[in-house]
């Protein structure tokens, strides 16, 4: 039975728009509601309990707006709150996890780098995944201090971001990494800057395509995929919309909400 209610997504800001874009490109007949909780960004420096409460509020808002499936389009929220959300809400919920497994399966140097937020790297979910697949492989972790804050406040400002990225990436290159895993959806927008820093032999991995594949499968499994071409995409934010607008098309409108 077809279900034309929207897919809901939330993130601490613009990062999850990378997931939204993949969803719209791959499943264009689905409507969406996107919440950018940029008033509370970044999540990566917050206590786990606060991340969980914010994730519950975002999810509840999307449920109240009749979303049929929810994507936690934030690595930090996923790794710290996904288990709580799945117990609390009777709705399919898809999370975003760093692409550790494919990096470990593909590495030739047995050294991979992970650039992520502090709370993602310290989460039980990340640690379990790393331990499960890391036999004989060295994982070089780096917290992306201030990257989300810079992106949320200034957009993709090369003058501010390039020095930070060099500081974080060059020590990992000295460890002979051949894969760099991006453990934050905001970092998707840094790919072209990272390519200026990384040598040709280093592959960048993010989770956007894997998430889209999972969403497609769940829509079929639950028999809730849409059968209409008349779609609607709604964008909501909790803070200032100046930067978010730069990442949307001129036809997209964004409304401010309270959680």
Protein backbone atom coordinates (compact mmCIF):
# COMPACT_ATOMS: atom_id res chain seq x y z
CA UNK A 1 0.00 0.00 0.00
CA UNK A 2 1.46 3.35 -1.05
CA UNK A 3 2.18 5.99 1.56
CA UNK A 4 2.60 9.59 0.38
CA UNK A 5 3.50 11.05 3.76
CA UNK A 6 6.99 12.62 3.89
CA UNK A 7 10.37 11.32 4.93
CA UNK A 8 11.73 13.34 7.85
CA UNK A 9 15.36 14.32 8.34
CA UNK A 10 17.10 16.27 11.08
CA UNK A 11 20.61 17.51 11.77
CA UNK A 12 22.26 20.15 13.91
CA UNK A 13 22.41 22.39 10.85
CA UNK A 14 23.23 22.17 7.15
CA UNK A 15 25.26 18.95 7.23
CA UNK A 16 22.27 16.69 6.73
CA UNK A 17 21.42 18.47 3.49
CA UNK A 18 24.06 16.22 1.93
CA UNK A 19 21.83 13.27 2.85
CA UNK A 20 18.73 15.13 1.67
CA UNK A 21 20.33 15.72 -1.74
CA UNK A 22 21.17 12.02 -2.12
CA UNK A 23 17.60 11.08 -1.18
CA UNK A 24 16.07 13.49 -3.68
CA UNK A 25 18.41 12.37 -6.46
CA UNK A 26 17.78 8.67 -5.83
CA UNK A 27 14.13 8.71 -4.70
CA UNK A 28 12.67 11.80 -6.38
CA UNK A 29 9.02 10.83 -5.83
CA UNK A 30 9.31 11.12 -2.03
CA UNK A 31 8.31 14.26 -0.15
CA UNK A 32 10.56 15.42 2.68
CA UNK A 33 10.67 17.57 5.81
CA UNK A 34 14.11 18.72 6.92
CA UNK A 35 14.86 20.22 10.33
CA UNK A 36 18.12 22.12 10.83
CA UNK A 37 18.51 22.51 14.59
CA UNK A 38 21.15 25.17 14.09
CA UNK A 39 20.17 27.07 17.24
CA UNK A 40 21.78 24.20 19.17
CA UNK A 41 24.70 23.56 16.80
CA UNK A 42 27.21 22.08 17.11
CA UNK A 43 26.06 18.87 18.81
CA UNK A 44 29.61 17.48 18.93
CA UNK A 45 30.62 19.36 22.10
CA UNK A 46 27.44 18.66 24.08
CA UNK A 47 26.89 16.08 26.81
CA UNK A 48 25.37 12.77 25.69
CA UNK A 49 22.22 13.44 27.72
CA UNK A 50 21.67 16.77 25.95
CA UNK A 51 22.26 15.20 22.52
CA UNK A 52 19.64 12.56 23.35
CA UNK A 53 17.08 15.13 24.49
CA UNK A 54 17.61 17.28 21.40
CA UNK A 55 17.30 14.20 19.18
CA UNK A 56 14.03 13.24 20.90
CA UNK A 57 12.65 16.76 20.35
CA UNK A 58 13.59 16.75 16.65
CA UNK A 59 12.14 13.28 16.14
CA UNK A 60 8.93 14.15 17.98
CA UNK A 61 8.47 17.22 15.79
CA UNK A 62 8.84 15.11 12.64
CA UNK A 63 6.43 12.50 13.99
CA UNK A 64 3.92 15.27 14.78
CA UNK A 65 4.30 16.38 11.15
CA UNK A 66 3.26 12.87 10.02
CA UNK A 67 6.61 11.65 8.71
CA UNK A 68 6.56 7.95 7.82
CA UNK A 69 10.30 7.36 8.20
CA UNK A 70 12.98 9.42 9.89
CA UNK A 71 16.64 9.88 9.01
CA UNK A 72 18.91 11.02 11.80
CA UNK A 73 21.11 12.95 9.35
CA UNK A 74 23.76 13.66 11.95
CA UNK A 75 26.61 11.35 12.95
CA UNK A 76 26.78 12.70 16.50
CA UNK A 77 23.04 12.27 17.08
CA UNK A 78 23.12 8.79 15.55
CA UNK A 79 26.02 7.45 17.57
CA UNK A 80 24.71 8.90 20.84
CA UNK A 81 20.92 8.67 20.54
CA UNK A 82 19.78 6.21 17.85
CA UNK A 83 19.09 3.32 20.26
CA UNK A 84 16.97 5.56 22.50
CA UNK A 85 15.01 6.89 19.53
CA UNK A 86 14.24 3.42 18.19
CA UNK A 87 12.90 2.33 21.57
CA UNK A 88 10.81 5.46 22.05
CA UNK A 89 9.25 5.85 18.58
CA UNK A 90 7.30 3.23 16.64
CA UNK A 91 8.56 4.32 13.22
CA UNK A 92 11.47 3.27 10.97
CA UNK A 93 14.54 5.32 11.93
CA UNK A 94 17.74 5.36 9.87
CA UNK A 95 21.00 6.61 11.33
CA UNK A 96 24.29 7.83 9.90
CA UNK A 97 27.41 5.94 10.93
CA UNK A 98 30.96 6.65 9.75
CA UNK A 99 31.94 4.37 6.85
CA UNK A 100 34.48 2.47 8.94
CA UNK A 101 33.64 -0.99 7.62
CA UNK A 102 34.16 -0.29 3.88
CA UNK A 103 37.38 1.60 4.65
CA UNK A 104 38.74 -1.36 6.59
CA UNK A 105 37.76 -3.81 3.86
CA UNK A 106 39.41 -1.71 1.14
CA UNK A 107 42.60 -0.44 2.79
CA UNK A 108 45.91 -1.65 1.37
CA UNK A 109 48.17 0.19 3.81
CA UNK A 110 46.21 -1.03 6.86
CA UNK A 111 45.96 2.59 7.97
CA UNK A 112 42.77 4.61 7.78
CA UNK A 113 41.95 8.09 9.04
CA UNK A 114 38.69 9.18 10.66
CA UNK A 115 37.73 12.84 10.89
CA UNK A 116 34.73 13.28 13.19
CA UNK A 117 33.28 15.18 16.13
CA UNK A 118 34.42 14.48 19.67
CA UNK A 119 31.11 12.87 20.66
CA UNK A 120 31.05 10.59 17.62
CA UNK A 121 34.56 9.29 18.28
CA UNK A 122 33.84 8.69 21.98
CA UNK A 123 30.43 7.05 21.47
CA UNK A 124 29.83 3.38 22.28
CA UNK A 125 28.44 2.74 18.79
CA UNK A 126 31.60 4.04 17.10
CA UNK A 127 33.86 2.13 19.49
CA UNK A 128 31.94 -1.12 18.94
CA UNK A 129 32.13 -0.75 15.14
CA UNK A 130 35.85 0.07 15.26
CA UNK A 131 36.64 -2.87 17.53
CA UNK A 132 34.60 -5.27 15.42
CA UNK A 133 36.39 -4.59 12.13
CA UNK A 134 39.79 -3.24 13.13
CA UNK A 135 41.84 -6.43 13.51
CA UNK A 136 45.29 -5.71 12.08
CA UNK A 137 44.22 -2.24 10.92
CA UNK A 138 45.29 1.05 12.48
CA UNK A 139 42.58 3.67 12.90
CA UNK A 140 43.92 7.20 13.21
CA UNK A 141 41.22 9.40 14.75
CA UNK A 142 41.07 13.16 14.59
CA UNK A 143 38.48 15.45 16.15
CA UNK A 144 37.43 18.17 13.71
CA UNK A 145 37.64 20.96 16.25
CA UNK A 146 35.56 24.01 15.21
CA UNK A 147 34.82 22.77 11.67
CA UNK A 148 31.05 22.54 12.20
CA UNK A 149 31.02 25.91 13.95
CA UNK A 150 32.88 27.56 11.06
CA UNK A 151 30.55 26.01 8.46
CA UNK A 152 27.40 26.96 10.35
CA UNK A 153 28.54 30.54 10.89
CA UNK A 154 30.43 31.26 7.65
CA UNK A 155 29.52 28.61 5.09
CA UNK A 156 32.44 27.06 3.17
CA UNK A 157 35.06 29.73 3.89
CA UNK A 158 38.34 28.43 2.43
CA UNK A 159 40.45 31.00 4.26
CA UNK A 160 39.19 29.70 7.61
CA UNK A 161 38.87 26.02 6.74
CA UNK A 162 42.03 25.13 4.77
CA UNK A 163 44.46 25.83 7.67
CA UNK A 164 42.29 23.76 10.02
CA UNK A 165 42.07 20.87 7.57
CA UNK A 166 45.83 20.85 6.98
CA UNK A 167 46.38 20.78 10.74
CA UNK A 168 44.10 17.76 11.11
CA UNK A 169 44.95 15.82 7.95
CA UNK A 170 48.73 16.09 7.63
CA UNK A 171 49.50 14.03 10.80
CA UNK A 172 47.27 11.25 9.43
CA UNK A 173 49.08 11.35 6.08
CA UNK A 174 52.35 10.84 7.97
CA UNK A 175 50.77 7.60 9.25
CA UNK A 176 50.33 6.41 5.64
CA UNK A 177 46.53 6.40 5.53
CA UNK A 178 44.96 5.41 2.22
CA UNK A 179 41.34 6.06 3.24
CA UNK A 180 39.83 9.06 5.03
CA UNK A 181 36.43 8.46 6.63
CA UNK A 182 34.26 11.54 7.13
CA UNK A 183 32.38 11.06 10.39
CA UNK A 184 30.16 14.13 10.24
CA UNK A 185 27.60 15.06 7.58
CA UNK A 186 28.87 18.65 7.61
CA UNK A 187 32.23 17.41 6.32
CA UNK A 188 30.64 16.29 3.05
CA UNK A 189 30.86 19.94 1.99
CA UNK A 190 34.61 19.92 2.64
CA UNK A 191 35.37 17.23 0.07
CA UNK A 192 36.68 19.56 -2.62
CA UNK A 193 38.92 21.28 -0.06
CA UNK A 194 40.18 17.94 1.21
CA UNK A 195 41.04 16.90 -2.33
CA UNK A 196 43.39 19.89 -2.50
CA UNK A 197 45.25 18.55 0.53
CA UNK A 198 45.12 14.78 0.05
CA UNK A 199 47.38 12.92 -2.40
CA UNK A 200 45.69 11.04 -5.23
CA UNK A 201 46.04 7.67 -3.50
CA UNK A 202 43.82 8.57 -0.55
CA UNK A 203 40.12 7.76 -0.95
CA UNK A 204 37.47 9.82 0.87
CA UNK A 205 34.47 7.92 2.22
CA UNK A 206 31.17 9.26 3.54
CA UNK A 207 27.89 7.52 4.35
CA UNK A 208 25.34 9.30 2.15
CA UNK A 209 24.89 6.58 -0.49
CA UNK A 210 24.70 3.80 2.08
CA UNK A 211 21.96 5.70 3.90
CA UNK A 212 19.96 6.18 0.71
CA UNK A 213 20.20 2.46 -0.05
CA UNK A 214 18.95 1.63 3.45
CA UNK A 215 16.03 4.06 3.10
CA UNK A 216 15.02 2.51 -0.24
CA UNK A 217 15.01 -0.95 1.31
CA UNK A 218 12.94 0.14 4.31
CA UNK A 219 10.37 1.87 2.13
CA UNK A 220 9.87 -1.42 0.28
CA UNK A 221 10.02 -3.62 3.38
CA UNK A 222 7.34 -1.56 5.15
CA UNK A 223 5.43 -1.01 1.90
CA UNK A 224 5.40 2.75 2.48
CA UNK A 225 6.97 4.08 -0.70
CA UNK A 226 5.22 6.93 -2.48
CA UNK A 227 3.28 6.51 -5.71
CA UNK A 228 2.90 10.18 -6.62
CA UNK A 229 5.03 12.59 -8.61
CA UNK A 230 3.54 15.57 -6.74
CA UNK A 231 6.13 16.01 -4.03
CA UNK A 232 6.71 18.73 -1.45
CA UNK A 233 9.97 19.51 0.33
CA UNK A 234 9.77 21.54 3.54
CA UNK A 235 12.77 23.12 5.27
CA UNK A 236 12.67 24.19 8.92
CA UNK A 237 15.30 25.69 11.20
CA UNK A 238 15.55 26.66 14.85
CA UNK A 239 18.10 29.47 14.43
CA UNK A 240 19.33 31.98 11.88
CA UNK A 241 18.62 30.98 8.27
CA UNK A 242 21.27 33.12 6.52
CA UNK A 243 23.84 30.35 5.93
CA UNK A 244 21.31 27.57 5.30
CA UNK A 245 19.77 29.56 2.45
CA UNK A 246 23.10 29.41 0.61
CA UNK A 247 22.82 25.61 0.45
CA UNK A 248 19.25 25.56 -0.86
CA UNK A 249 17.92 26.38 -4.31
CA UNK A 250 16.36 29.77 -4.94
CA UNK A 251 12.91 28.13 -5.02
CA UNK A 252 13.24 26.57 -1.58
CA UNK A 253 11.77 28.38 1.39
CA UNK A 254 12.77 27.87 5.00
CA UNK A 255 10.64 28.53 8.08
CA UNK A 256 11.74 29.02 11.66
CA UNK A 257 10.34 26.74 14.39
CA UNK A 258 10.69 26.02 18.09
CA UNK A 259 11.26 22.46 19.21
